[in-house]
Amino acid sequence: MPKKSKVLKGQIQKLMRVLGFIALGLLLIYLNHPSQNENKSASHAAKPSVNSPKHQQTDIPSRSRSTPLPAAPKSSSAAPPQEQVAPTAQGTENVPHELVFSLGHPHSFDEAKRTLRRLFPKGTDVYCGCSYDFRQKQSVSLDSCGWKSGPERRSRIEWEHVVPASYYGKQFQAWTQGAPACERSSKVLRGRNCAREASLEFRRMEADLYNLLPAVGELNQARSDLAYGDVPGEPRAFGPCNFEIKDKRVEPPENVQGDLARITFYMDARYPDFGIVNGRNQKLLERWADADPLDDAERSRIERIEAIQGNSFFIGRNKDLLKQNDISVKTVRDSDP
């Protein structure tokens, strides 16, 4: 090979090695650039580890953050609505036990009340047996339960929380201490209103259709958030109504005590972090449930609500009702406790 060709070949090889080193240096500079580290940090922040402290805030006092679920798409199918997992990403409500809410579950108490008025436009109230019909100018028929006219709330039906909202609501930090979301408007929200604003989980619990029964407004007001219990004697403060209050205890009529017990069992199983059934009320509720078993009217109500809300009532202690009442197992979903 001519001498000049050998020299040229050597120069080319040296140049290739230099270019290789330069390319490697540029690659290292690119990988260590600050913008790349920021992108990586942002990626990790958007998906927190399940072991991170923020994701583990499932103890009751920490429930203070939430964002609303996206609007549910309208479905043209008659099949039950698809279930949707409540959000648990950073900055949203930490919902314990991966609670699943169907798209048919009301998003608010007001929405729940509208839904129930459509589902049950007529019927009887839970505490006095008064007939009601929302299509009438005066929805409550006082003659049907031997009552006379009285305060304004006696003439209307309200939706009573069997398990009062305060029982679980006061375990939310937003209810007791407030939250940043409650201070953004011109009026600072407190207590129950703040819990509604700040917590998706509270809104869904407050709107659970199974926990709402029609009650004459005056009796709903009298019950307030008092606990159910046995009241000695027959102190009838509401005329013919077998609805008794004494020593901060409320005793409803015997023919609905089982219904109320089973609803309480459902709420305890559906929302297990709140101690809804406990040592103070468990034996009473079990006794009421045994003495007043599930009947056709109660089963019909449960079926109509499940068709809308999507989750089964027969969970927890209520699972035993499946065999006892020949209820189809298909009403129990894998996601139910």
Protein backbone atom coordinates (compact mmCIF):
# COMPACT_ATOMS: atom_id res chain seq x y z
CA MET A 1 0.00 0.00 0.00
CA PRO A 2 1.39 3.49 -0.86
CA LYS A 3 2.76 5.46 2.07
CA LYS A 4 0.23 8.29 1.59
CA SER A 5 -2.73 5.84 1.78
CA LYS A 6 -1.44 4.41 5.07
CA VAL A 7 -1.12 7.88 6.57
CA LEU A 8 -4.65 8.84 5.40
CA LYS A 9 -6.11 5.64 6.85
CA GLY A 10 -4.45 6.31 10.21
CA GLN A 11 -5.77 9.86 10.29
CA ILE A 12 -9.34 8.61 9.56
CA GLN A 13 -9.14 6.06 12.40
CA LYS A 14 -7.96 8.73 14.85
CA LEU A 15 -10.81 11.01 13.74
CA MET A 16 -13.41 8.22 14.28
CA ARG A 17 -12.11 7.62 17.81
CA VAL A 18 -12.31 11.34 18.62
CA LEU A 19 -15.87 11.55 17.26
CA GLY A 20 -16.84 8.51 19.35
CA PHE A 21 -15.56 10.17 22.53
CA ILE A 22 -17.39 13.38 21.68
CA ALA A 23 -20.68 11.50 21.10
CA LEU A 24 -20.31 9.66 24.44
CA GLY A 25 -19.65 12.93 26.23
CA LEU A 26 -22.74 14.56 24.72
CA LEU A 27 -24.88 11.58 25.76
CA LEU A 28 -23.66 11.81 29.38
CA ILE A 29 -24.34 15.56 29.43
CA TYR A 30 -27.89 14.96 28.11
CA LEU A 31 -28.69 12.27 30.66
CA ASN A 32 -27.53 14.46 33.55
CA HIS A 33 -29.30 17.62 32.39
CA PRO A 34 -31.56 19.18 35.14
CA SER A 35 -34.68 19.09 32.93
CA GLN A 36 -34.43 15.30 32.73
CA ASN A 37 -34.29 15.00 36.52
CA GLU A 38 -37.32 17.28 36.83
CA ASN A 39 -39.28 15.13 34.39
CA LYS A 40 -38.40 12.02 36.34
CA SER A 41 -39.42 13.67 39.62
CA ALA A 42 -42.72 14.82 38.13
CA SER A 43 -43.39 11.31 36.86
CA HIS A 44 -42.78 9.82 40.32
CA ALA A 45 -44.93 12.50 41.97
CA ALA A 46 -47.85 11.75 39.67
CA LYS A 47 -47.78 8.09 40.70
CA PRO A 48 -46.99 7.83 44.42
CA SER A 49 -45.86 4.51 45.78
CA VAL A 50 -48.41 2.50 47.71
CA ASN A 51 -45.90 2.60 50.56
CA SER A 52 -45.66 6.40 50.62
CA PRO A 53 -47.02 8.23 53.70
CA LYS A 54 -49.56 10.17 51.63
CA HIS A 55 -51.11 7.00 50.25
CA GLN A 56 -51.30 5.38 53.67
CA GLN A 57 -53.49 8.08 55.24
CA THR A 58 -56.44 5.77 55.72
CA ASP A 59 -56.95 6.36 59.42
CA ILE A 60 -60.20 8.19 60.10
CA PRO A 61 -58.86 11.62 61.18
CA SER A 62 -56.90 12.07 57.95
CA ARG A 63 -59.88 12.08 55.56
CA SER A 64 -59.62 15.65 54.39
CA ARG A 65 -58.86 15.74 50.67
CA SER A 66 -61.08 15.08 47.71
CA THR A 67 -61.84 15.92 44.12
CA PRO A 68 -65.16 15.12 42.43
CA LEU A 69 -65.50 12.11 40.19
CA PRO A 70 -65.84 12.88 36.48
CA ALA A 71 -69.39 13.04 35.16
CA ALA A 72 -70.79 9.61 34.38
CA PRO A 73 -71.44 8.94 30.70
CA LYS A 74 -75.03 8.22 29.77
CA SER A 75 -75.69 4.57 29.09
CA SER A 76 -78.15 3.33 26.51
CA SER A 77 -78.04 -0.23 27.84
CA ALA A 78 -80.52 -1.66 30.34
CA ALA A 79 -77.72 -3.61 32.05
CA PRO A 80 -76.55 -2.54 35.54
CA PRO A 81 -74.19 0.46 35.44
CA GLN A 82 -70.48 -0.23 35.27
CA GLU A 83 -68.64 0.15 38.54
CA GLN A 84 -66.08 2.90 39.05
CA VAL A 85 -63.31 2.97 41.63
CA ALA A 86 -63.19 6.15 43.68
CA PRO A 87 -59.95 8.05 42.95
CA THR A 88 -56.95 7.50 45.20
CA ALA A 89 -54.27 9.49 43.38
CA GLN A 90 -52.28 12.20 45.11
CA GLY A 91 -54.45 15.18 45.99
CA THR A 92 -57.71 13.23 46.09
CA GLU A 93 -59.74 11.50 48.75
CA ASN A 94 -58.07 8.45 50.28
CA VAL A 95 -60.95 5.97 50.22
CA PRO A 96 -60.30 2.96 52.50
CA HIS A 97 -60.65 -0.64 51.39
CA GLU A 98 -60.76 0.43 47.72
CA LEU A 99 -64.45 1.31 47.90
CA VAL A 100 -66.18 0.86 44.57
CA PHE A 101 -69.12 3.06 43.60
CA SER A 102 -71.27 2.33 40.58
CA LEU A 103 -72.03 5.09 38.12
CA GLY A 104 -75.61 4.98 39.41
CA HIS A 105 -74.63 5.82 43.00
CA PRO A 106 -75.85 9.37 43.73
CA HIS A 107 -73.12 11.98 43.98
CA SER A 108 -74.88 14.05 46.65
CA PHE A 109 -77.68 13.94 49.22
CA ASP A 110 -79.80 16.24 47.03
CA GLU A 111 -79.40 13.87 44.09
CA ALA A 112 -80.31 10.94 46.34
CA LYS A 113 -83.53 12.65 47.47
CA ARG A 114 -84.57 13.32 43.87
CA THR A 115 -83.86 9.70 42.96
CA LEU A 116 -85.93 8.37 45.87
CA ARG A 117 -88.89 10.59 45.02
CA ARG A 118 -88.91 9.03 41.55
CA LEU A 119 -88.43 5.49 42.86
CA PHE A 120 -91.04 5.74 45.61
CA PRO A 121 -93.57 8.46 44.65
CA LYS A 122 -96.06 7.04 47.15
CA GLY A 123 -95.90 4.85 50.25
CA THR A 124 -95.89 5.08 54.04
CA ASP A 125 -93.50 6.84 56.38
CA VAL A 126 -91.23 4.72 58.56
CA TYR A 127 -92.07 6.07 62.04
CA CYS A 128 -95.85 6.52 62.09
CA GLY A 129 -97.19 4.63 59.08
CA CYS A 130 -98.68 7.78 57.52
CA SER A 131 -99.49 7.42 53.82
CA TYR A 132 -97.87 9.87 51.44
CA ASP A 133 -98.16 10.70 47.76
CA PHE A 134 -95.80 13.24 46.22
CA ARG A 135 -98.30 13.87 43.42
CA GLN A 136 -100.76 15.41 45.88
CA LYS A 137 -100.65 19.05 46.98
CA GLN A 138 -100.28 17.92 50.59
CA SER A 139 -98.09 14.86 50.31
CA VAL A 140 -98.80 13.42 53.78
CA SER A 141 -102.28 12.05 54.60
CA LEU A 142 -102.56 12.67 58.34
CA ASP A 143 -105.98 10.97 58.44
CA SER A 144 -104.33 7.70 57.40
CA CYS A 145 -102.39 7.56 60.68
CA GLY A 146 -104.93 9.24 62.98
CA TRP A 147 -102.98 12.46 63.28
CA LYS A 148 -104.27 16.02 63.26
CA SER A 149 -102.74 19.00 61.52
CA GLY A 150 -99.86 20.65 63.32
CA PRO A 151 -96.40 22.08 62.58
CA GLU A 152 -95.42 22.56 58.96
CA ARG A 153 -92.98 19.63 58.99
CA ARG A 154 -95.83 17.29 59.96
CA SER A 155 -97.33 17.76 56.52
CA ARG A 156 -94.27 16.79 54.49
CA ILE A 157 -92.04 13.78 53.89
CA GLU A 158 -88.30 14.01 54.44
CA TRP A 159 -85.60 11.41 53.86
CA GLU A 160 -84.31 10.09 57.15
CA HIS A 161 -80.76 8.77 57.54
CA VAL A 162 -81.16 5.52 59.47
CA VAL A 163 -77.48 5.80 60.41
CA PRO A 164 -77.25 9.56 61.07
CA ALA A 165 -74.72 11.50 59.01
CA SER A 166 -73.10 12.79 62.20
CA TYR A 167 -72.22 9.22 63.29
CA TYR A 168 -69.62 8.90 60.56
CA GLY A 169 -69.31 12.57 59.55
CA LYS A 170 -67.69 13.67 62.79
CA GLN A 171 -64.90 11.21 62.08
CA PHE A 172 -63.87 13.30 59.07
CA GLN A 173 -61.27 15.98 59.69
CA ALA A 174 -63.18 18.39 57.44
CA TRP A 175 -66.25 18.17 59.73
CA THR A 176 -64.37 18.79 62.98
CA GLN A 177 -61.41 20.96 61.92
CA GLY A 178 -62.27 22.39 58.54
CA ALA A 179 -60.35 22.13 55.27
CA PRO A 180 -58.78 24.48 52.71
CA ALA A 181 -61.55 23.64 50.24
CA CYS A 182 -64.09 25.11 52.68
CA GLU A 183 -62.45 28.54 52.75
CA ARG A 184 -62.40 29.35 49.06
CA SER A 185 -65.85 30.89 48.85
CA SER A 186 -67.09 34.14 50.36
CA LYS A 187 -68.66 32.09 53.16
CA VAL A 188 -66.49 29.71 55.16
CA LEU A 189 -68.10 26.27 55.42
CA ARG A 190 -68.14 24.38 58.70
CA GLY A 191 -69.18 20.96 60.02
CA ARG A 192 -71.37 18.91 57.72
CA ASN A 193 -71.23 21.45 54.88
CA CYS A 194 -67.44 21.41 54.95
CA ALA A 195 -67.38 17.61 54.88
CA ARG A 196 -69.62 17.72 51.82
CA GLU A 197 -67.32 20.18 50.09
CA ALA A 198 -64.03 18.49 50.95
CA SER A 199 -64.71 14.75 51.00
CA LEU A 200 -65.92 12.58 48.15
CA GLU A 201 -66.30 9.65 50.53
CA PHE A 202 -68.58 11.60 52.87
CA ARG A 203 -70.78 12.74 49.98
CA ARG A 204 -71.21 9.18 48.79
CA MET A 205 -71.97 7.85 52.29
CA GLU A 206 -74.51 10.61 52.89
CA ALA A 207 -76.19 9.78 49.57
CA ASP A 208 -76.36 5.98 49.99
CA LEU A 209 -79.94 5.13 49.00
CA TYR A 210 -80.18 2.07 51.23
CA ASN A 211 -79.69 4.26 54.32
CA LEU A 212 -82.55 6.65 53.50
CA LEU A 213 -86.20 6.08 54.45
CA PRO A 214 -89.27 8.35 54.14
CA ALA A 215 -90.27 9.96 57.45
CA VAL A 216 -92.74 12.64 58.46
CA GLY A 217 -90.64 15.78 58.85
CA GLU A 218 -91.67 16.39 62.45
CA LEU A 219 -90.53 12.91 63.47
CA ASN A 220 -87.32 13.21 61.48
CA GLN A 221 -86.61 16.42 63.37
CA ALA A 222 -87.42 14.83 66.73
CA ARG A 223 -85.17 11.84 66.11
CA SER A 224 -82.27 14.10 65.01
CA ASP A 225 -79.18 11.92 65.50
CA LEU A 226 -80.34 10.11 68.64
CA ALA A 227 -79.48 6.42 68.92
CA TYR A 228 -82.11 3.72 68.58
CA GLY A 229 -82.92 1.74 71.70
CA ASP A 230 -85.63 0.28 73.92
CA VAL A 231 -87.69 2.93 75.73
CA PRO A 232 -89.45 1.67 78.89
CA GLY A 233 -93.18 2.41 79.13
CA GLU A 234 -95.18 3.99 76.35
CA PRO A 235 -94.45 7.74 76.39
CA ARG A 236 -96.46 8.86 73.33
CA ALA A 237 -95.38 12.42 72.59
CA PHE A 238 -96.66 12.21 69.00
CA GLY A 239 -100.29 11.25 69.38
CA PRO A 240 -101.12 7.86 67.88
CA CYS A 241 -97.61 7.25 66.55
CA ASN A 242 -95.77 4.38 68.18
CA PHE A 243 -92.62 6.46 68.19
CA GLU A 244 -91.06 7.00 71.61
CA ILE A 245 -88.23 9.21 72.83
CA LYS A 246 -86.73 9.22 76.29
CA ASP A 247 -83.27 9.70 77.79
CA LYS A 248 -81.78 10.43 74.36
CA ARG A 249 -83.06 7.13 72.98
CA VAL A 250 -85.56 6.54 70.19
CA GLU A 251 -87.73 3.45 69.93
CA PRO A 252 -89.38 3.08 66.50
CA PRO A 253 -92.43 0.83 65.85
CA GLU A 254 -91.78 -2.90 66.19
CA ASN A 255 -92.77 -3.61 62.58
CA VAL A 256 -89.80 -1.58 61.23
CA GLN A 257 -87.16 -2.38 63.83
CA GLY A 258 -85.77 -5.26 61.76
CA ASP A 259 -85.59 -3.06 58.66
CA LEU A 260 -83.59 -0.46 60.59
CA ALA A 261 -81.27 -3.10 62.04
CA ARG A 262 -80.51 -4.60 58.62
CA ILE A 263 -79.82 -1.17 57.13
CA THR A 264 -77.39 -0.50 59.98
CA PHE A 265 -75.69 -3.86 59.35
CA TYR A 266 -75.36 -2.94 55.66
CA MET A 267 -73.81 0.44 56.43
CA ASP A 268 -71.33 -1.15 58.83
CA ALA A 269 -70.23 -3.69 56.19
CA ARG A 270 -70.14 -1.19 53.35
CA TYR A 271 -68.15 1.42 55.30
CA PRO A 272 -66.18 -0.69 57.80
CA ASP A 273 -63.85 1.98 59.18
CA PHE A 274 -66.48 3.86 61.18
CA GLY A 275 -67.58 1.48 63.95
CA ILE A 276 -71.25 1.82 63.02
CA VAL A 277 -72.07 -1.51 64.68
CA ASN A 278 -70.27 -1.83 68.00
CA GLY A 279 -70.53 -3.15 71.52
CA ARG A 280 -73.18 -0.59 72.43
CA ASN A 281 -75.72 -1.52 69.77
CA GLN A 282 -74.87 -4.94 68.31
CA LYS A 283 -77.05 -7.11 70.58
CA LEU A 284 -80.02 -4.76 70.26
CA LEU A 285 -79.80 -4.74 66.48
CA GLU A 286 -79.45 -8.51 66.28
CA ARG A 287 -82.51 -8.92 68.49
CA TRP A 288 -84.53 -6.49 66.37
CA ALA A 289 -83.48 -8.23 63.15
CA ASP A 290 -84.54 -11.64 64.48
CA ALA A 291 -87.89 -10.39 65.82
CA ASP A 292 -88.80 -8.55 62.59
CA PRO A 293 -87.56 -10.65 59.65
CA LEU A 294 -87.23 -9.55 56.03
CA ASP A 295 -90.63 -9.27 54.31
CA ASP A 296 -91.78 -8.77 50.71
CA ALA A 297 -92.10 -4.98 50.99
CA GLU A 298 -88.54 -4.64 52.31
CA ARG A 299 -87.17 -6.98 49.67
CA SER A 300 -88.94 -5.02 46.92
CA ARG A 301 -87.41 -1.77 48.17
CA ILE A 302 -83.93 -3.34 48.24
CA GLU A 303 -84.27 -4.68 44.69
CA ARG A 304 -85.41 -1.34 43.30
CA ILE A 305 -82.52 0.49 44.93
CA GLU A 306 -79.97 -2.07 43.77
CA ALA A 307 -81.16 -1.61 40.18
CA ILE A 308 -80.18 2.06 40.46
CA GLN A 309 -77.24 2.11 42.86
CA GLY A 310 -75.61 -1.07 41.61
CA ASN A 311 -74.18 -2.61 44.81
CA SER A 312 -75.72 -5.38 46.88
CA PHE A 313 -77.48 -4.89 50.21
CA PHE A 314 -76.76 -8.49 51.22
CA ILE A 315 -73.26 -8.07 52.61
CA GLY A 316 -71.72 -8.50 56.06
CA ARG A 317 -74.28 -9.82 58.54
CA ASN A 318 -76.99 -9.57 55.85
CA LYS A 319 -75.36 -12.33 53.78
CA ASP A 320 -77.23 -14.90 55.85
CA LEU A 321 -80.48 -13.56 54.38
CA LEU A 322 -79.60 -15.02 50.98
CA LYS A 323 -80.25 -18.65 51.95
CA GLN A 324 -82.96 -17.86 54.47
CA ASN A 325 -85.07 -16.02 51.89
CA ASP A 326 -84.08 -17.85 48.70
CA ILE A 327 -82.50 -14.69 47.28
CA SER A 328 -80.45 -15.17 44.13
CA VAL A 329 -76.72 -15.17 44.77
CA LYS A 330 -76.25 -13.16 41.57
CA THR A 331 -77.18 -10.04 43.56
CA VAL A 332 -73.87 -10.34 45.45
CA ARG A 333 -70.92 -8.83 43.64
CA ASP A 334 -67.29 -9.85 43.99
CA SER A 335 -66.43 -6.36 45.28
CA ASP A 336 -68.84 -6.58 48.21
CA PRO A 337 -67.40 -7.46 51.64
